[in-house]
Amino acid sequence: MTMNAYNPLESMKRLELAGIARPHAEAIAAEINAGTGDLVTKDYFKELLDASLAKQTIRNGVLTAGIVAVATSVLGILISLQ
């Protein structure tokens, strides 16, 4: 999926055609352009989210394995004491 790039010059021209004075049209177009600079695509966000979830899944697996190992060791020690 491609992301449509914002074109402030075209936006400014459309604002002028709608009757907005050029300085105001320039200011509006510049603000919109500044506000859209840090936007990301859905695909990019999904890739980052998927990578983050994969790391968290691995961490949870390692943590679970560690807890099971400790619990098994403690249980083994308690059984051997009886």
Protein backbone atom coordinates (compact mmCIF):
# COMPACT_ATOMS: atom_id res chain seq x y z
CA MET A 1 0.00 0.00 0.00
CA THR A 2 1.39 3.37 -0.93
CA MET A 3 1.09 6.45 1.22
CA ASN A 4 -0.18 9.62 -0.44
CA ALA A 5 2.28 12.42 0.12
CA TYR A 6 0.86 15.76 1.18
CA ASN A 7 1.59 18.49 -1.34
CA PRO A 8 1.45 21.88 0.43
CA LEU A 9 1.72 23.83 -2.85
CA GLU A 10 -1.35 22.12 -4.31
CA SER A 11 -3.19 22.59 -1.04
CA MET A 12 -2.31 26.28 -0.98
CA LYS A 13 -3.59 26.69 -4.57
CA ARG A 14 -6.89 25.00 -3.70
CA LEU A 15 -7.28 27.21 -0.63
CA GLU A 16 -6.65 30.31 -2.76
CA LEU A 17 -9.22 29.15 -5.32
CA ALA A 18 -11.69 28.77 -2.47
CA GLY A 19 -11.22 32.44 -1.62
CA ILE A 20 -8.64 32.35 1.16
CA ALA A 21 -5.96 35.07 0.96
CA ARG A 22 -2.53 33.84 -0.13
CA PRO A 23 -0.74 34.53 3.20
CA HIS A 24 -3.44 32.62 5.07
CA ALA A 25 -3.41 29.79 2.55
CA GLU A 26 0.39 29.54 2.88
CA ALA A 27 0.16 29.47 6.67
CA ILE A 28 -2.54 26.78 6.64
CA ALA A 29 -0.64 24.62 4.15
CA ALA A 30 2.58 25.02 6.13
CA GLU A 31 0.88 23.96 9.39
CA ILE A 32 -0.69 20.91 7.78
CA ASN A 33 2.68 19.99 6.28
CA ALA A 34 4.40 20.34 9.66
CA GLY A 35 1.72 18.25 11.36
CA THR A 36 1.95 15.37 8.91
CA GLY A 37 5.72 14.99 8.98
CA ASP A 38 5.85 12.30 11.68
CA LEU A 39 3.01 10.12 10.41
CA VAL A 40 3.73 6.47 9.62
CA THR A 41 1.97 3.98 7.39
CA LYS A 42 -0.15 1.17 8.78
CA ASP A 43 2.24 -1.37 7.28
CA TYR A 44 5.28 0.17 8.99
CA PHE A 45 3.43 0.34 12.31
CA LYS A 46 2.30 -3.28 11.93
CA GLU A 47 5.88 -4.41 11.27
CA LEU A 48 7.12 -2.66 14.40
CA LEU A 49 4.25 -4.01 16.47
CA ASP A 50 4.76 -7.56 15.20
CA ALA A 51 8.49 -7.40 16.00
CA SER A 52 7.76 -6.07 19.47
CA LEU A 53 5.18 -8.77 20.13
CA ALA A 54 7.60 -11.46 18.95
CA LYS A 55 10.24 -10.21 21.39
CA GLN A 56 7.70 -10.13 24.21
CA THR A 57 6.57 -13.67 23.40
CA ILE A 58 10.17 -14.89 23.63
CA ARG A 59 10.67 -13.04 26.93
CA ASN A 60 7.50 -14.56 28.35
CA GLY A 61 8.62 -18.04 27.27
CA VAL A 62 12.02 -17.64 28.90
CA LEU A 63 10.45 -16.28 32.08
CA THR A 64 7.94 -19.13 32.22
CA ALA A 65 10.69 -21.72 31.71
CA GLY A 66 12.72 -20.12 34.50
CA ILE A 67 9.76 -20.11 36.89
CA VAL A 68 9.01 -23.76 36.11
CA ALA A 69 12.67 -24.69 36.67
CA VAL A 70 12.80 -22.91 40.03
CA ALA A 71 9.45 -24.34 41.11
CA THR A 72 10.55 -27.86 40.13
CA SER A 73 13.81 -27.46 42.05
CA VAL A 74 12.04 -26.19 45.16
CA LEU A 75 9.48 -28.99 44.93
CA GLY A 76 12.27 -31.55 44.53
CA ILE A 77 14.06 -30.20 47.59
CA LEU A 78 10.86 -30.24 49.66
CA ILE A 79 10.08 -33.83 48.62
CA SER A 80 13.62 -35.00 49.45
CA LEU A 81 13.37 -33.49 52.94
CA GLN A 82 10.42 -35.70 53.87
